[in-house]
Amino acid sequence: MILLLLGHYNNCMGNRIKGEKEISYIVDFNNVSMVGLESSPVKETLAGLRANEARYFMNKYKHEFTIVPANESHETLDYVDRILKKERDIEFAAKPLETSRFQVENIKFAYVFYEDGLVVNVMYTVDDLKKRAVGFKLSEGMEVPKELGKFKFARQKSKLAGTIRGSFFVIKGEY
């Protein structure tokens, strides 16, 4: 019953509970699933990128990376969109599929996973103005979105996601 109320999938392994509304899903990095990402043309590598983030948070913070369908998380989308717009006048044309928002230690995190394979994350320390940034990660196989044409991207290899290209900018405002 608790699994139904929380909207988690069976055993958090990516198996949907038929007839139940999706509310949240704990990403299992041991069994990479494309659940929620089916409409993406790079769903396999986007799923690997999502699993890579889940593994990072489990290994570093012992935090379960939980995602929510974008249509159920307007507050997170508005938060990320507001920062992108005010800081760099960026508005993405791509459709958001999922989000995640949580705090570990003194750091607030917000993630948006887009249909085109882009992942945007906001890292916002509560008590240190110098450690606030927006990161962009591109799934293997996707082009750099035109909105990010001015950014330079570094490459990183991942067993789960293949080659990840990433960039970032420092947040200057208060959010």
N, C-alpha and C. Protein backbone atom coordinates (compact mmCIF):
# COMPACT_ATOMS: atom_id res chain seq x y z
N MET A 1 0.82 -1.20 0.00
CA MET A 1 0.00 0.00 0.00
C MET A 1 0.86 1.26 0.00
N ILE A 2 1.96 1.24 0.76
CA ILE A 2 2.83 2.40 0.81
C ILE A 2 3.42 2.68 -0.57
N LEU A 3 3.81 1.63 -1.29
CA LEU A 3 4.35 1.83 -2.63
C LEU A 3 3.33 2.50 -3.53
N LEU A 4 2.07 2.13 -3.40
CA LEU A 4 1.02 2.74 -4.22
C LEU A 4 0.85 4.20 -3.86
N LEU A 5 0.87 4.52 -2.57
CA LEU A 5 0.68 5.90 -2.16
C LEU A 5 1.84 6.78 -2.59
N LEU A 6 3.03 6.27 -2.53
CA LEU A 6 4.19 7.06 -2.92
C LEU A 6 4.36 7.10 -4.43
N GLY A 7 3.70 6.18 -5.11
CA GLY A 7 3.81 6.16 -6.56
C GLY A 7 5.10 5.53 -7.05
N HIS A 8 5.81 4.85 -6.16
CA HIS A 8 7.05 4.19 -6.57
C HIS A 8 6.71 2.97 -7.40
N TYR A 9 7.64 2.60 -8.25
CA TYR A 9 7.45 1.41 -9.06
C TYR A 9 7.82 0.18 -8.22
N ASN A 10 7.36 -0.98 -8.66
CA ASN A 10 7.65 -2.20 -7.92
C ASN A 10 9.13 -2.32 -7.64
N ASN A 11 9.47 -2.47 -6.37
CA ASN A 11 10.85 -2.64 -5.94
C ASN A 11 11.78 -1.55 -6.45
N CYS A 12 11.24 -0.44 -6.89
CA CYS A 12 12.04 0.69 -7.41
C CYS A 12 12.95 0.25 -8.54
N MET A 13 12.52 -0.73 -9.32
CA MET A 13 13.35 -1.28 -10.39
C MET A 13 12.88 -0.84 -11.76
N GLY A 14 11.92 0.05 -11.83
CA GLY A 14 11.47 0.51 -13.12
C GLY A 14 10.23 -0.20 -13.62
N ASN A 15 9.62 -1.07 -12.83
CA ASN A 15 8.39 -1.74 -13.23
C ASN A 15 7.20 -0.91 -12.77
N ARG A 16 6.40 -0.45 -13.71
CA ARG A 16 5.28 0.41 -13.36
C ARG A 16 4.18 -0.39 -12.67
N ILE A 17 3.52 0.24 -11.73
CA ILE A 17 2.35 -0.34 -11.11
C ILE A 17 1.18 0.04 -12.00
N LYS A 18 0.59 -0.93 -12.67
CA LYS A 18 -0.45 -0.64 -13.66
C LYS A 18 -1.63 0.06 -13.01
N GLY A 19 -2.09 1.09 -13.71
CA GLY A 19 -3.27 1.81 -13.26
C GLY A 19 -3.01 2.85 -12.19
N GLU A 20 -1.79 2.94 -11.70
CA GLU A 20 -1.48 3.90 -10.65
C GLU A 20 -0.77 5.12 -11.23
N LYS A 21 -1.04 6.27 -10.66
CA LYS A 21 -0.42 7.52 -11.10
C LYS A 21 1.04 7.57 -10.65
N GLU A 22 1.91 8.02 -11.55
CA GLU A 22 3.31 8.17 -11.21
C GLU A 22 3.47 9.45 -10.38
N ILE A 23 4.12 9.32 -9.25
CA ILE A 23 4.42 10.51 -8.47
C ILE A 23 5.92 10.65 -8.35
N SER A 24 6.60 9.58 -7.94
CA SER A 24 8.05 9.63 -7.85
C SER A 24 8.63 8.25 -8.12
N TYR A 25 9.93 8.25 -8.37
CA TYR A 25 10.62 7.02 -8.75
C TYR A 25 12.07 7.12 -8.29
N ILE A 26 12.51 6.15 -7.49
CA ILE A 26 13.90 6.11 -7.07
C ILE A 26 14.70 5.47 -8.19
N VAL A 27 15.69 6.17 -8.69
CA VAL A 27 16.49 5.69 -9.82
C VAL A 27 17.44 4.59 -9.32
N ASP A 28 17.38 3.45 -9.96
CA ASP A 28 18.23 2.31 -9.63
C ASP A 28 19.41 2.30 -10.61
N PHE A 29 20.60 2.63 -10.13
CA PHE A 29 21.76 2.69 -11.01
C PHE A 29 22.35 1.32 -11.31
N ASN A 30 21.91 0.29 -10.60
CA ASN A 30 22.38 -1.06 -10.90
C ASN A 30 21.60 -1.69 -12.05
N ASN A 31 20.37 -1.28 -12.23
CA ASN A 31 19.50 -1.78 -13.30
C ASN A 31 18.94 -0.57 -14.04
N VAL A 32 19.69 -0.09 -15.01
CA VAL A 32 19.32 1.13 -15.72
C VAL A 32 18.01 0.93 -16.45
N SER A 33 17.07 1.83 -16.22
CA SER A 33 15.74 1.76 -16.81
C SER A 33 15.45 3.03 -17.60
N MET A 34 14.70 2.88 -18.67
CA MET A 34 14.31 4.03 -19.49
C MET A 34 12.92 4.56 -19.10
N VAL A 35 12.37 4.07 -17.99
CA VAL A 35 11.05 4.50 -17.54
C VAL A 35 11.01 6.02 -17.44
N GLY A 36 10.00 6.61 -18.05
CA GLY A 36 9.82 8.06 -18.02
C GLY A 36 10.55 8.80 -19.13
N LEU A 37 11.44 8.10 -19.83
CA LEU A 37 12.26 8.72 -20.86
C LEU A 37 11.95 8.17 -22.25
N GLU A 38 10.90 7.41 -22.38
CA GLU A 38 10.60 6.68 -23.61
C GLU A 38 10.48 7.57 -24.84
N SER A 39 10.07 8.81 -24.67
CA SER A 39 9.87 9.69 -25.83
C SER A 39 11.17 10.34 -26.32
N SER A 40 12.26 10.15 -25.59
CA SER A 40 13.53 10.76 -25.97
C SER A 40 14.20 9.99 -27.10
N PRO A 41 14.73 10.71 -28.11
CA PRO A 41 15.46 10.03 -29.18
C PRO A 41 16.79 9.43 -28.70
N VAL A 42 17.26 9.85 -27.52
CA VAL A 42 18.49 9.31 -26.94
C VAL A 42 18.18 8.68 -25.58
N LYS A 43 17.05 7.98 -25.50
CA LYS A 43 16.56 7.46 -24.22
C LYS A 43 17.56 6.55 -23.50
N GLU A 44 18.32 5.75 -24.26
CA GLU A 44 19.27 4.83 -23.62
C GLU A 44 20.38 5.60 -22.92
N THR A 45 20.97 6.58 -23.60
CA THR A 45 22.06 7.33 -22.98
C THR A 45 21.55 8.32 -21.93
N LEU A 46 20.34 8.83 -22.12
CA LEU A 46 19.74 9.70 -21.09
C LEU A 46 19.46 8.90 -19.83
N ALA A 47 18.99 7.66 -19.99
CA ALA A 47 18.77 6.78 -18.84
C ALA A 47 20.08 6.48 -18.14
N GLY A 48 21.15 6.29 -18.92
CA GLY A 48 22.46 6.07 -18.34
C GLY A 48 22.97 7.29 -17.60
N LEU A 49 22.71 8.46 -18.14
CA LEU A 49 23.11 9.71 -17.49
C LEU A 49 22.35 9.90 -16.18
N ARG A 50 21.07 9.59 -16.20
CA ARG A 50 20.25 9.67 -14.97
C ARG A 50 20.78 8.68 -13.93
N ALA A 51 21.10 7.47 -14.35
CA ALA A 51 21.64 6.46 -13.44
C ALA A 51 23.01 6.88 -12.90
N ASN A 52 23.81 7.53 -13.74
CA ASN A 52 25.11 8.04 -13.31
C ASN A 52 24.95 9.05 -12.18
N GLU A 53 23.96 9.93 -12.30
CA GLU A 53 23.69 10.91 -11.23
C GLU A 53 23.25 10.20 -9.96
N ALA A 54 22.40 9.18 -10.11
CA ALA A 54 21.93 8.42 -8.95
C ALA A 54 23.09 7.75 -8.22
N ARG A 55 23.99 7.16 -8.99
CA ARG A 55 25.15 6.49 -8.39
C ARG A 55 26.02 7.50 -7.64
N TYR A 56 26.25 8.68 -8.24
CA TYR A 56 27.04 9.73 -7.60
C TYR A 56 26.46 10.10 -6.23
N PHE A 57 25.15 10.36 -6.18
CA PHE A 57 24.54 10.79 -4.92
C PHE A 57 24.50 9.68 -3.89
N MET A 58 24.36 8.44 -4.32
CA MET A 58 24.40 7.34 -3.37
C MET A 58 25.81 7.16 -2.82
N ASN A 59 26.81 7.20 -3.69
CA ASN A 59 28.19 7.00 -3.24
C ASN A 59 28.70 8.15 -2.38
N LYS A 60 28.39 9.38 -2.77
CA LYS A 60 28.92 10.54 -2.05
C LYS A 60 28.12 10.89 -0.79
N TYR A 61 26.78 10.81 -0.89
CA TYR A 61 25.93 11.29 0.21
C TYR A 61 25.01 10.24 0.81
N LYS A 62 25.01 9.02 0.27
CA LYS A 62 24.06 7.98 0.69
C LYS A 62 22.62 8.46 0.52
N HIS A 63 22.39 9.20 -0.57
CA HIS A 63 21.08 9.77 -0.89
C HIS A 63 20.48 9.04 -2.08
N GLU A 64 19.22 8.60 -1.96
CA GLU A 64 18.52 7.97 -3.08
C GLU A 64 18.01 9.04 -4.02
N PHE A 65 18.43 8.97 -5.26
CA PHE A 65 18.07 9.96 -6.27
C PHE A 65 16.66 9.65 -6.76
N THR A 66 15.74 10.53 -6.43
CA THR A 66 14.32 10.34 -6.75
C THR A 66 13.89 11.35 -7.79
N ILE A 67 13.20 10.88 -8.81
CA ILE A 67 12.73 11.76 -9.87
C ILE A 67 11.21 11.79 -9.89
N VAL A 68 10.68 12.86 -10.47
CA VAL A 68 9.24 13.10 -10.56
C VAL A 68 8.93 13.49 -12.00
N PRO A 69 7.82 13.02 -12.57
CA PRO A 69 7.45 13.48 -13.91
C PRO A 69 7.33 15.00 -13.94
N ALA A 70 7.78 15.61 -15.02
CA ALA A 70 7.78 17.07 -15.12
C ALA A 70 6.39 17.67 -14.96
N ASN A 71 5.38 16.97 -15.45
CA ASN A 71 4.02 17.52 -15.33
C ASN A 71 3.49 17.49 -13.89
N GLU A 72 4.25 16.88 -12.99
CA GLU A 72 3.88 16.86 -11.57
C GLU A 72 4.80 17.74 -10.72
N SER A 73 5.70 18.48 -11.37
CA SER A 73 6.70 19.22 -10.59
C SER A 73 6.90 20.64 -11.11
N HIS A 74 5.83 21.37 -11.19
CA HIS A 74 5.88 22.74 -11.72
C HIS A 74 6.77 23.66 -10.89
N GLU A 75 6.80 23.47 -9.59
CA GLU A 75 7.60 24.33 -8.72
C GLU A 75 9.10 24.19 -9.04
N THR A 76 9.56 22.95 -9.25
CA THR A 76 10.96 22.73 -9.59
C THR A 76 11.29 23.31 -10.97
N LEU A 77 10.41 23.08 -11.93
CA LEU A 77 10.62 23.64 -13.27
C LEU A 77 10.68 25.16 -13.22
N ASP A 78 9.77 25.78 -12.48
CA ASP A 78 9.76 27.25 -12.37
C ASP A 78 11.04 27.76 -11.72
N TYR A 79 11.53 27.06 -10.70
CA TYR A 79 12.76 27.45 -10.00
C TYR A 79 13.95 27.43 -10.96
N VAL A 80 14.12 26.33 -11.68
CA VAL A 80 15.25 26.20 -12.62
C VAL A 80 15.09 27.20 -13.76
N ASP A 81 13.90 27.32 -14.31
CA ASP A 81 13.65 28.27 -15.41
C ASP A 81 13.94 29.70 -14.99
N ARG A 82 13.56 30.06 -13.77
CA ARG A 82 13.78 31.43 -13.27
C ARG A 82 15.28 31.73 -13.18
N ILE A 83 16.06 30.78 -12.67
CA ILE A 83 17.51 30.98 -12.56
C ILE A 83 18.14 31.10 -13.95
N LEU A 84 17.78 30.21 -14.86
CA LEU A 84 18.33 30.26 -16.22
C LEU A 84 18.00 31.58 -16.91
N LYS A 85 16.76 32.03 -16.76
CA LYS A 85 16.32 33.26 -17.43
C LYS A 85 17.02 34.49 -16.83
N LYS A 86 17.04 34.59 -15.50
CA LYS A 86 17.62 35.77 -14.87
C LYS A 86 19.13 35.82 -14.97
N GLU A 87 19.79 34.68 -14.90
CA GLU A 87 21.25 34.66 -14.90
C GLU A 87 21.84 34.78 -16.30
N ARG A 88 21.24 34.08 -17.30
CA ARG A 88 21.83 34.02 -18.63
C ARG A 88 20.84 34.19 -19.77
N ASP A 89 19.60 34.54 -19.45
CA ASP A 89 18.56 34.71 -20.46
C ASP A 89 18.41 33.45 -21.34
N ILE A 90 18.40 32.29 -20.68
CA ILE A 90 18.26 31.01 -21.38
C ILE A 90 16.86 30.45 -21.16
N GLU A 91 16.23 30.07 -22.26
CA GLU A 91 14.94 29.37 -22.22
C GLU A 91 15.05 28.22 -23.22
N PHE A 92 14.92 26.99 -22.72
CA PHE A 92 15.06 25.83 -23.59
C PHE A 92 13.77 25.51 -24.32
N ALA A 93 13.92 25.15 -25.59
CA ALA A 93 12.77 24.75 -26.40
C ALA A 93 12.38 23.30 -26.13
N ALA A 94 13.33 22.50 -25.65
CA ALA A 94 13.09 21.07 -25.42
C ALA A 94 12.05 20.85 -24.32
N LYS A 95 11.36 19.75 -24.43
CA LYS A 95 10.32 19.36 -23.46
C LYS A 95 10.96 18.72 -22.23
N PRO A 96 10.63 19.24 -21.02
CA PRO A 96 11.13 18.59 -19.80
C PRO A 96 10.35 17.29 -19.56
N LEU A 97 11.06 16.23 -19.21
CA LEU A 97 10.42 14.95 -18.93
C LEU A 97 10.32 14.66 -17.44
N GLU A 98 11.40 14.95 -16.72
CA GLU A 98 11.45 14.62 -15.29
C GLU A 98 12.25 15.68 -14.54
N THR A 99 12.00 15.71 -13.22
CA THR A 99 12.77 16.60 -12.36
C THR A 99 13.15 15.88 -11.08
N SER A 100 14.07 16.49 -10.36
CA SER A 100 14.43 16.04 -9.03
C SER A 100 14.83 17.27 -8.23
N ARG A 101 14.44 17.32 -6.97
CA ARG A 101 14.82 18.46 -6.12
C ARG A 101 14.96 17.96 -4.69
N PHE A 102 16.11 18.27 -4.07
CA PHE A 102 16.39 17.76 -2.74
C PHE A 102 17.53 18.56 -2.13
N GLN A 103 17.78 18.31 -0.86
CA GLN A 103 18.90 18.94 -0.17
C GLN A 103 19.69 17.86 0.55
N VAL A 104 21.02 17.88 0.38
CA VAL A 104 21.93 17.04 1.16
C VAL A 104 22.96 17.96 1.78
N GLU A 105 23.15 17.75 3.07
CA GLU A 105 24.03 18.62 3.85
C GLU A 105 23.59 20.07 3.64
N ASN A 106 24.50 20.94 3.25
CA ASN A 106 24.13 22.36 3.08
C ASN A 106 23.91 22.74 1.61
N ILE A 107 23.65 21.74 0.76
CA ILE A 107 23.52 22.00 -0.67
C ILE A 107 22.13 21.62 -1.17
N LYS A 108 21.48 22.57 -1.82
CA LYS A 108 20.20 22.29 -2.47
C LYS A 108 20.49 21.95 -3.93
N PHE A 109 19.85 20.89 -4.42
CA PHE A 109 20.00 20.45 -5.80
C PHE A 109 18.66 20.45 -6.50
N ALA A 110 18.65 20.82 -7.76
CA ALA A 110 17.46 20.70 -8.61
C ALA A 110 17.93 20.20 -9.97
N TYR A 111 17.23 19.22 -10.51
CA TYR A 111 17.56 18.63 -11.81
C TYR A 111 16.35 18.69 -12.72
N VAL A 112 16.63 18.90 -14.02
CA VAL A 112 15.60 18.75 -15.05
C VAL A 112 16.20 17.89 -16.16
N PHE A 113 15.48 16.82 -16.51
CA PHE A 113 15.87 15.94 -17.61
C PHE A 113 14.97 16.25 -18.79
N TYR A 114 15.58 16.64 -19.92
CA TYR A 114 14.84 17.06 -21.10
C TYR A 114 14.78 15.96 -22.15
N GLU A 115 13.75 16.01 -22.96
CA GLU A 115 13.50 15.00 -23.99
C GLU A 115 14.65 14.89 -25.00
N ASP A 116 15.34 15.99 -25.30
CA ASP A 116 16.42 15.96 -26.29
C ASP A 116 17.71 15.35 -25.76
N GLY A 117 17.76 15.03 -24.44
CA GLY A 117 18.94 14.42 -23.85
C GLY A 117 19.73 15.34 -22.94
N LEU A 118 19.30 16.59 -22.82
CA LEU A 118 19.96 17.56 -21.94
C LEU A 118 19.53 17.33 -20.49
N VAL A 119 20.50 17.49 -19.59
CA VAL A 119 20.21 17.49 -18.16
C VAL A 119 20.75 18.80 -17.60
N VAL A 120 19.89 19.53 -16.90
CA VAL A 120 20.27 20.77 -16.24
C VAL A 120 20.21 20.53 -14.75
N ASN A 121 21.27 20.92 -14.05
CA ASN A 121 21.21 20.82 -12.59
C ASN A 121 21.65 22.13 -11.95
N VAL A 122 20.97 22.46 -10.87
CA VAL A 122 21.29 23.64 -10.08
C VAL A 122 21.87 23.13 -8.76
N MET A 123 23.05 23.63 -8.43
CA MET A 123 23.69 23.33 -7.14
C MET A 123 23.75 24.66 -6.39
N TYR A 124 23.09 24.73 -5.25
CA TYR A 124 22.94 25.99 -4.54
C TYR A 124 23.24 25.78 -3.07
N THR A 125 24.43 26.21 -2.65
CA THR A 125 24.77 26.06 -1.24
C THR A 125 24.01 27.08 -0.41
N VAL A 126 23.57 26.65 0.75
CA VAL A 126 22.76 27.49 1.62
C VAL A 126 23.62 28.56 2.30
N ASP A 127 24.87 28.23 2.58
CA ASP A 127 25.70 29.12 3.40
C ASP A 127 27.00 29.58 2.75
N ASP A 128 27.19 29.32 1.46
CA ASP A 128 28.43 29.72 0.80
C ASP A 128 28.10 30.28 -0.58
N LEU A 129 28.15 31.60 -0.72
CA LEU A 129 27.79 32.26 -1.97
C LEU A 129 28.70 31.85 -3.14
N LYS A 130 29.90 31.36 -2.85
CA LYS A 130 30.85 31.03 -3.90
C LYS A 130 30.63 29.65 -4.50
N LYS A 131 29.76 28.86 -3.93
CA LYS A 131 29.54 27.49 -4.42
C LYS A 131 28.10 27.32 -4.89
N ARG A 132 27.75 28.11 -5.89
CA ARG A 132 26.42 28.04 -6.50
C ARG A 132 26.60 28.04 -8.00
N ALA A 133 26.01 27.04 -8.66
CA ALA A 133 26.24 26.93 -10.10
C ALA A 133 25.09 26.20 -10.78
N VAL A 134 25.00 26.40 -12.09
CA VAL A 134 24.10 25.65 -12.95
C VAL A 134 24.98 24.81 -13.87
N GLY A 135 24.69 23.52 -13.91
CA GLY A 135 25.45 22.61 -14.76
C GLY A 135 24.60 22.11 -15.91
N PHE A 136 25.25 21.84 -17.03
CA PHE A 136 24.59 21.28 -18.21
C PHE A 136 25.31 20.00 -18.58
N LYS A 137 24.57 18.92 -18.76
CA LYS A 137 25.16 17.67 -19.22
C LYS A 137 24.40 17.22 -20.46
N LEU A 138 25.17 16.80 -21.46
CA LEU A 138 24.58 16.36 -22.72
C LEU A 138 24.76 14.86 -22.85
N SER A 139 23.67 14.15 -23.13
CA SER A 139 23.73 12.72 -23.36
C SER A 139 24.50 12.44 -24.64
N GLU A 140 25.19 11.32 -24.66
CA GLU A 140 25.91 10.93 -25.86
C GLU A 140 24.93 10.81 -27.02
N GLY A 141 25.29 11.37 -28.16
CA GLY A 141 24.44 11.29 -29.34
C GLY A 141 23.58 12.51 -29.59
N MET A 142 23.55 13.44 -28.65
CA MET A 142 22.74 14.65 -28.88
C MET A 142 23.62 15.82 -29.28
N GLU A 143 23.04 16.71 -30.05
CA GLU A 143 23.73 17.93 -30.46
C GLU A 143 23.67 18.94 -29.31
N VAL A 144 24.60 19.87 -29.31
CA VAL A 144 24.56 20.97 -28.33
C VAL A 144 23.35 21.83 -28.67
N PRO A 145 22.44 22.04 -27.71
CA PRO A 145 21.29 22.91 -27.99
C PRO A 145 21.73 24.31 -28.38
N LYS A 146 20.99 24.94 -29.29
CA LYS A 146 21.36 26.28 -29.75
C LYS A 146 21.43 27.26 -28.59
N GLU A 147 20.64 27.05 -27.55
CA GLU A 147 20.63 27.93 -26.39
C GLU A 147 21.97 27.90 -25.64
N LEU A 148 22.77 26.84 -25.88
CA LEU A 148 24.04 26.70 -25.18
C LEU A 148 25.24 26.84 -26.12
N GLY A 149 25.03 27.44 -27.27
CA GLY A 149 26.08 27.56 -28.27
C GLY A 149 27.32 28.30 -27.82
N LYS A 150 27.20 29.19 -26.85
CA LYS A 150 28.35 29.98 -26.38
C LYS A 150 29.18 29.24 -25.32
N PHE A 151 28.67 28.12 -24.82
CA PHE A 151 29.36 27.39 -23.76
C PHE A 151 30.37 26.41 -24.35
N LYS A 152 31.47 26.21 -23.64
CA LYS A 152 32.45 25.19 -23.99
C LYS A 152 32.15 23.96 -23.12
N PHE A 153 32.26 22.78 -23.72
CA PHE A 153 31.94 21.55 -23.02
C PHE A 153 33.15 20.66 -22.86
N ALA A 154 33.33 20.14 -21.66
CA ALA A 154 34.37 19.16 -21.37
C ALA A 154 33.76 17.76 -21.51
N ARG A 155 34.58 16.77 -21.78
CA ARG A 155 34.10 15.39 -21.94
C ARG A 155 34.52 14.56 -20.73
N GLN A 156 33.62 13.64 -20.38
CA GLN A 156 33.86 12.72 -19.27
C GLN A 156 33.32 11.36 -19.67
N LYS A 157 34.04 10.30 -19.38
CA LYS A 157 33.59 8.94 -19.68
C LYS A 157 32.83 8.39 -18.48
N SER A 158 31.77 7.65 -18.77
CA SER A 158 30.97 7.01 -17.74
C SER A 158 30.57 5.62 -18.21
N LYS A 159 30.70 4.63 -17.33
CA LYS A 159 30.27 3.27 -17.68
C LYS A 159 28.76 3.23 -17.93
N LEU A 160 28.02 4.07 -17.23
CA LEU A 160 26.56 4.07 -17.34
C LEU A 160 26.05 4.93 -18.50
N ALA A 161 26.76 6.01 -18.80
CA ALA A 161 26.23 6.99 -19.76
C ALA A 161 27.10 7.18 -21.01
N GLY A 162 28.18 6.45 -21.14
CA GLY A 162 29.06 6.67 -22.29
C GLY A 162 29.85 7.95 -22.11
N THR A 163 29.96 8.74 -23.15
CA THR A 163 30.66 10.02 -23.06
C THR A 163 29.66 11.12 -22.71
N ILE A 164 29.93 11.77 -21.59
CA ILE A 164 29.09 12.88 -21.13
C ILE A 164 29.84 14.17 -21.45
N ARG A 165 29.15 15.12 -22.05
CA ARG A 165 29.73 16.45 -22.25
C ARG A 165 29.08 17.38 -21.23
N GLY A 166 29.90 18.17 -20.55
CA GLY A 166 29.37 19.03 -19.50
C GLY A 166 29.94 20.42 -19.52
N SER A 167 29.13 21.35 -19.01
CA SER A 167 29.54 22.74 -18.86
C SER A 167 28.77 23.32 -17.68
N PHE A 168 29.11 24.55 -17.29
CA PHE A 168 28.41 25.17 -16.17
C PHE A 168 28.61 26.67 -16.18
N PHE A 169 27.85 27.35 -15.34
CA PHE A 169 28.12 28.75 -15.04
C PHE A 169 27.83 28.98 -13.56
N VAL A 170 28.49 29.98 -12.98
CA VAL A 170 28.33 30.32 -11.56
C VAL A 170 27.09 31.20 -11.42
N ILE A 171 26.29 30.89 -10.40
CA ILE A 171 25.10 31.68 -10.10
C ILE A 171 25.53 32.90 -9.28
N LYS A 172 25.10 34.07 -9.70
CA LYS A 172 25.46 35.30 -8.99
C LYS A 172 24.33 35.84 -8.11
N GLY A 173 23.08 35.56 -8.48
CA GLY A 173 21.94 36.08 -7.74
C GLY A 173 21.53 35.21 -6.56
N GLU A 174 20.49 35.66 -5.87
CA GLU A 174 19.92 34.93 -4.72
C GLU A 174 18.61 34.29 -5.16
N TYR A 175 18.51 32.99 -4.91
CA TYR A 175 17.30 32.27 -5.28
C TYR A 175 16.87 31.38 -4.13
